[in-house]
PDB file of N, CA and C in Angstrom:
ATOM      1  N   MET A   1      12.090  24.766  13.759  1.00  0.00           N
ATOM      2  CA  MET A   1      12.689  23.414  13.257  1.00  0.00           C
ATOM      3  C   MET A   1      11.499  22.564  12.664  1.00  0.00           C
ATOM      4  N   TYR A   2      10.269  22.546  13.006  1.00  0.00           N
ATOM      5  CA  TYR A   2       8.816  21.738  12.429  1.00  0.00           C
ATOM      6  C   TYR A   2       8.976  22.464  11.152  1.00  0.00           C
ATOM      7  N   GLU A   3       8.896  24.188  11.376  1.00  0.00           N
ATOM      8  CA  GLU A   3       8.623  25.306  10.177  1.00  0.00           C
ATOM      9  C   GLU A   3       9.303  24.965   9.445  1.00  0.00           C
ATOM     10  N   ASP A   4      11.004  24.724   9.491  1.00  0.00           N
ATOM     11  CA  ASP A   4      11.770  24.455   8.229  1.00  0.00           C
ATOM     12  C   ASP A   4      11.445  22.914   7.827  1.00  0.00           C
ATOM     13  N   GLU A   5      11.343  22.152   8.540  1.00  0.00           N
ATOM     14  CA  GLU A   5      11.167  20.628   7.688  1.00  0.00           C
ATOM     15  C   GLU A   5      10.170  20.937   6.485  1.00  0.00           C
ATOM     16  N   HIS A   6       8.733  21.696   7.083  1.00  0.00           N
ATOM     17  CA  HIS A   6       7.331  21.972   6.337  1.00  0.00           C
ATOM     18  C   HIS A   6       8.005  22.672   5.449  1.00  0.00           C
ATOM     19  N   ARG A   7       8.802  23.503   5.252  1.00  0.00           N
ATOM     20  CA  ARG A   7       9.014  24.577   4.312  1.00  0.00           C
ATOM     21  C   ARG A   7       9.928  23.800   3.197  1.00  0.00           C
ATOM     22  N   ARG A   8      10.960  22.884   3.651  1.00  0.00           N
ATOM     23  CA  ARG A   8      11.932  22.441   2.477  1.00  0.00           C
ATOM     24  C   ARG A   8      10.532  20.985   2.308  1.00  0.00           C
ATOM     25  N   TYR A   9       9.823  20.170   2.804  1.00  0.00           N
ATOM     26  CA  TYR A   9       9.009  19.510   2.226  1.00  0.00           C
ATOM     27  C   TYR A   9       7.774  20.392   1.126  1.00  0.00           C
ATOM     28  N   GLN A  10       7.671  21.266   1.268  1.00  0.00           N
ATOM     29  CA  GLN A  10       6.619  22.073   0.176  1.00  0.00           C
ATOM     30  C   GLN A  10       7.233  22.683  -1.306  1.00  0.00           C
ATOM     31  N   GLN A  11       8.642  22.728  -0.695  1.00  0.00           N
ATOM     32  CA  GLN A  11       9.367  23.144  -1.728  1.00  0.00           C
ATOM     33  C   GLN A  11      10.070  22.192  -2.599  1.00  0.00           C
ATOM     34  N   ALA A  12      10.170  20.606  -2.271  1.00  0.00           N
ATOM     35  CA  ALA A  12      10.473  19.984  -3.116  1.00  0.00           C
ATOM     36  C   ALA A  12       9.149  19.147  -3.599  1.00  0.00           C
ATOM     37  N   THR A  13       7.951  19.487  -3.033  1.00  0.00           N
ATOM     38  CA  THR A  13       6.925  19.473  -3.388  1.00  0.00           C
ATOM     39  C   THR A  13       6.072  19.660  -4.792  1.00  0.00           C
ATOM     40  N   GLN A  14       6.618  21.092  -4.854  1.00  0.00           N
ATOM     41  CA  GLN A  14       6.574  21.814  -5.659  1.00  0.00           C
ATOM     42  C   GLN A  14       7.487  21.574  -7.082  1.00  0.00           C
ATOM     43  N   GLN A  15       8.790  21.531  -6.615  1.00  0.00           N
ATOM     44  CA  GLN A  15       9.512  20.842  -7.628  1.00  0.00           C
ATOM     45  C   GLN A  15       9.557  19.706  -8.253  1.00  0.00           C
ATOM     46  N   ALA A  16       9.320  19.006  -7.454  1.00  0.00           N
ATOM     47  CA  ALA A  16       8.769  17.699  -8.240  1.00  0.00           C
ATOM     48  C   ALA A  16       7.428  17.889  -9.287  1.00  0.00           C
ATOM     49  N   THR A  17       6.415  18.290  -8.853  1.00  0.00           N
ATOM     50  CA  THR A  17       5.444  18.585  -9.369  1.00  0.00           C
ATOM     51  C   THR A  17       5.784  19.434 -10.929  1.00  0.00           C
ATOM     52  N   LYS A  18       6.713  20.559 -10.991  1.00  0.00           N
ATOM     53  CA  LYS A  18       6.909  21.003 -11.875  1.00  0.00           C
ATOM     54  C   LYS A  18       7.930  20.404 -13.228  1.00  0.00           C
ATOM     55  N   THR A  19       8.634  19.673 -12.574  1.00  0.00           N
ATOM     56  CA  THR A  19       9.467  18.647 -13.208  1.00  0.00           C
ATOM     57  C   THR A  19       8.462  17.442 -14.096  1.00  0.00           C
ATOM     58  N   LEU A  20       7.781  16.928 -13.001  1.00  0.00           N
ATOM     59  CA  LEU A  20       6.837  15.779 -13.513  1.00  0.00           C
ATOM     60  C   LEU A  20       5.957  16.518 -14.570  1.00  0.00           C
ATOM     61  N   ALA A  21       5.348  17.352 -14.419  1.00  0.00           N
ATOM     62  CA  ALA A  21       4.362  18.217 -15.359  1.00  0.00           C
ATOM     63  C   ALA A  21       5.310  18.331 -16.790  1.00  0.00           C
ATOM     64  N   THR A  22       6.470  18.236 -17.006  1.00  0.00           N
ATOM     65  CA  THR A  22       7.039  18.617 -18.110  1.00  0.00           C
ATOM     66  C   THR A  22       6.988  17.194 -19.002  1.00  0.00           C
ATOM     67  N   ILE A  23       6.614  15.825 -17.936  1.00  0.00           N
ATOM     68  CA  ILE A  23       6.191  14.754 -18.881  1.00  0.00           C
ATOM     69  C   ILE A  23       4.976  14.163 -18.802  1.00  0.00           C
ATOM     70  N   GLY A  24       4.578  14.923 -18.505  1.00  0.00           N
ATOM     71  CA  GLY A  24       2.785  14.059 -18.331  1.00  0.00           C
ATOM     72  C   GLY A  24       2.041  15.043 -17.346  1.00  0.00           C
ATOM     73  N   LYS A  25       0.639  14.390 -17.388  1.00  0.00           N
ATOM     74  CA  LYS A  25      -0.152  15.280 -16.331  1.00  0.00           C
ATOM     75  C   LYS A  25       0.015  14.718 -15.056  1.00  0.00           C
ATOM     76  N   VAL A  26       0.201  15.697 -13.687  1.00  0.00           N
ATOM     77  CA  VAL A  26       0.175  15.115 -12.401  1.00  0.00           C
ATOM     78  C   VAL A  26      -1.011  15.531 -11.832  1.00  0.00           C
ATOM     79  N   GLN A  27      -1.259  14.736 -10.881  1.00  0.00           N
ATOM     80  CA  GLN A  27      -2.280  14.478  -9.803  1.00  0.00           C
ATOM     81  C   GLN A  27      -1.783  13.596  -8.309  1.00  0.00           C
ATOM     82  N   GLN A  28      -2.093  15.081  -7.751  1.00  0.00           N
ATOM     83  CA  GLN A  28      -1.334  14.725  -6.031  1.00  0.00           C
ATOM     84  C   GLN A  28      -2.844  14.473  -5.410  1.00  0.00           C
ATOM     85  N   LEU A  29      -2.223  13.411  -4.494  1.00  0.00           N
ATOM     86  CA  LEU A  29      -3.332  12.738  -3.592  1.00  0.00           C
ATOM     87  C   LEU A  29      -2.588  12.772  -2.166  1.00  0.00           C
ATOM     88  N   GLU A  30      -3.549  12.858  -1.208  1.00  0.00           N
ATOM     89  CA  GLU A  30      -3.807  12.476   0.107  1.00  0.00           C
ATOM     90  C   GLU A  30      -3.502  11.069   0.494  1.00  0.00           C
ATOM     91  N   ARG A  31      -2.559  10.317   1.312  1.00  0.00           N
ATOM     92  CA  ARG A  31      -2.947   9.236   1.703  1.00  0.00           C
ATOM     93  C   ARG A  31      -3.905   8.611   1.809  1.00  0.00           C
ATOM     94  N   GLU A  32      -4.907   9.347   2.283  1.00  0.00           N
ATOM     95  CA  GLU A  32      -6.183   8.750   2.766  1.00  0.00           C
ATOM     96  C   GLU A  32      -6.659   8.230   1.741  1.00  0.00           C
ATOM     97  N   LEU A  33      -6.423   9.007   0.508  1.00  0.00           N
ATOM     98  CA  LEU A  33      -7.291   8.700  -0.856  1.00  0.00           C
ATOM     99  C   LEU A  33      -6.971   7.668  -1.433  1.00  0.00           C
ATOM    100  N   LEU A  34      -5.835   7.416  -1.431  1.00  0.00           N
ATOM    101  CA  LEU A  34      -4.941   6.292  -2.043  1.00  0.00           C
ATOM    102  C   LEU A  34      -5.945   5.060  -2.053  1.00  0.00           C
ATOM    103  N   PRO A  35      -6.680   4.073  -1.103  1.00  0.00           N
ATOM    104  CA  PRO A  35      -7.397   3.140  -1.231  1.00  0.00           C
ATOM    105  C   PRO A  35      -8.452   3.044  -1.971  1.00  0.00           C
ATOM    106  N   THR A  36      -9.304   4.615  -2.330  1.00  0.00           N
ATOM    107  CA  THR A  36     -10.056   4.644  -3.252  1.00  0.00           C
ATOM    108  C   THR A  36      -9.576   4.981  -4.621  1.00  0.00           C
ATOM    109  N   TYR A  37      -9.000   5.254  -4.945  1.00  0.00           N
ATOM    110  CA  TYR A  37      -8.380   5.860  -6.161  1.00  0.00           C
ATOM    111  C   TYR A  37      -8.067   4.968  -7.347  1.00  0.00           C
ATOM    112  N   LEU A  38      -8.455   5.211  -8.540  1.00  0.00           N
ATOM    113  CA  LEU A  38      -8.736   4.152  -9.246  1.00  0.00           C
ATOM    114  C   LEU A  38      -7.706   4.996 -10.780  1.00  0.00           C
ATOM    115  N   PHE A  39      -6.436   3.843 -10.087  1.00  0.00           N
ATOM    116  CA  PHE A  39      -4.853   4.101 -11.250  1.00  0.00           C
ATOM    117  C   PHE A  39      -5.124   3.643 -12.522  1.00  0.00           C
ATOM    118  N   HIS A  40      -4.817   4.027 -13.186  1.00  0.00           N
ATOM    119  CA  HIS A  40      -4.694   3.393 -14.883  1.00  0.00           C
ATOM    120  C   HIS A  40      -3.244   2.318 -14.765  1.00  0.00           C
ATOM    121  N   PRO A  41      -3.577   1.633 -15.454  1.00  0.00           N
ATOM    122  CA  PRO A  41      -2.264   0.516 -15.648  1.00  0.00           C
ATOM    123  C   PRO A  41      -1.339   1.138 -16.326  1.00  0.00           C
ATOM    124  N   THR A  42      -1.266   2.589 -17.080  1.00  0.00           N
ATOM    125  CA  THR A  42       0.011   3.274 -17.597  1.00  0.00           C
ATOM    126  C   THR A  42       0.555   4.156 -16.729  1.00  0.00           C
ATOM    127  N   ASP A  43      -0.197   4.322 -15.614  1.00  0.00           N
ATOM    128  CA  ASP A  43      -0.052   5.611 -14.689  1.00  0.00           C
ATOM    129  C   ASP A  43       1.367   5.239 -14.022  1.00  0.00           C
ATOM    130  N   ILE A  44       2.050   6.360 -13.237  1.00  0.00           N
ATOM    131  CA  ILE A  44       3.415   6.296 -13.209  1.00  0.00           C
ATOM    132  C   ILE A  44       3.002   7.016 -11.823  1.00  0.00           C
ATOM    133  N   ILE A  45       3.507   6.463 -10.631  1.00  0.00           N
ATOM    134  CA  ILE A  45       3.338   6.512  -9.570  1.00  0.00           C
ATOM    135  C   ILE A  45       4.625   7.248  -8.671  1.00  0.00           C
ATOM    136  N   VAL A  46       4.332   8.490  -8.023  1.00  0.00           N
ATOM    137  CA  VAL A  46       6.251   8.975  -7.459  1.00  0.00           C
ATOM    138  C   VAL A  46       5.299   9.270  -6.096  1.00  0.00           C
ATOM    139  N   VAL A  47       6.130   9.114  -5.070  1.00  0.00           N
ATOM    140  CA  VAL A  47       5.644   9.112  -3.199  1.00  0.00           C
ATOM    141  C   VAL A  47       6.600   9.959  -2.802  1.00  0.00           C
ATOM    142  N   LEU A  48       6.262  11.210  -2.312  1.00  0.00           N
ATOM    143  CA  LEU A  48       6.595  11.830  -1.554  1.00  0.00           C
ATOM    144  C   LEU A  48       6.490  11.912   0.030  1.00  0.00           C
ATOM    145  N   GLY A  49       7.294  12.050   0.762  1.00  0.00           N
ATOM    146  CA  GLY A  49       6.957  12.306   2.307  1.00  0.00           C
ATOM    147  C   GLY A  49       7.709  10.990   3.158  1.00  0.00           C
ATOM    148  N   GLN A  50       6.814  10.904   4.247  1.00  0.00           N
ATOM    149  CA  GLN A  50       7.688  10.121   5.019  1.00  0.00           C
ATOM    150  C   GLN A  50       7.961   8.717   4.702  1.00  0.00           C
ATOM    151  N   ASP A  51       6.658   8.077   3.833  1.00  0.00           N
ATOM    152  CA  ASP A  51       6.774   7.186   3.551  1.00  0.00           C
ATOM    153  C   ASP A  51       7.562   6.765   2.080  1.00  0.00           C
ATOM    154  N   ALA A  52       8.337   7.843   1.790  1.00  0.00           N
ATOM    155  CA  ALA A  52       9.080   7.738   0.306  1.00  0.00           C
ATOM    156  C   ALA A  52      10.396   7.489   0.527  1.00  0.00           C
TER     157      ALA A  52
END
């Protein structure tokens, strides 16, 4: 069950990355890095996972 959920998450992440890359640069970040990451005012943030 966990393996299926993980596989679906990985597939969704890959598809989102592929789709978003057609409109601009994509940078994936782990949750732990968010407090110190310097976002540009024009960045578009897309959140995937349990908090999205």
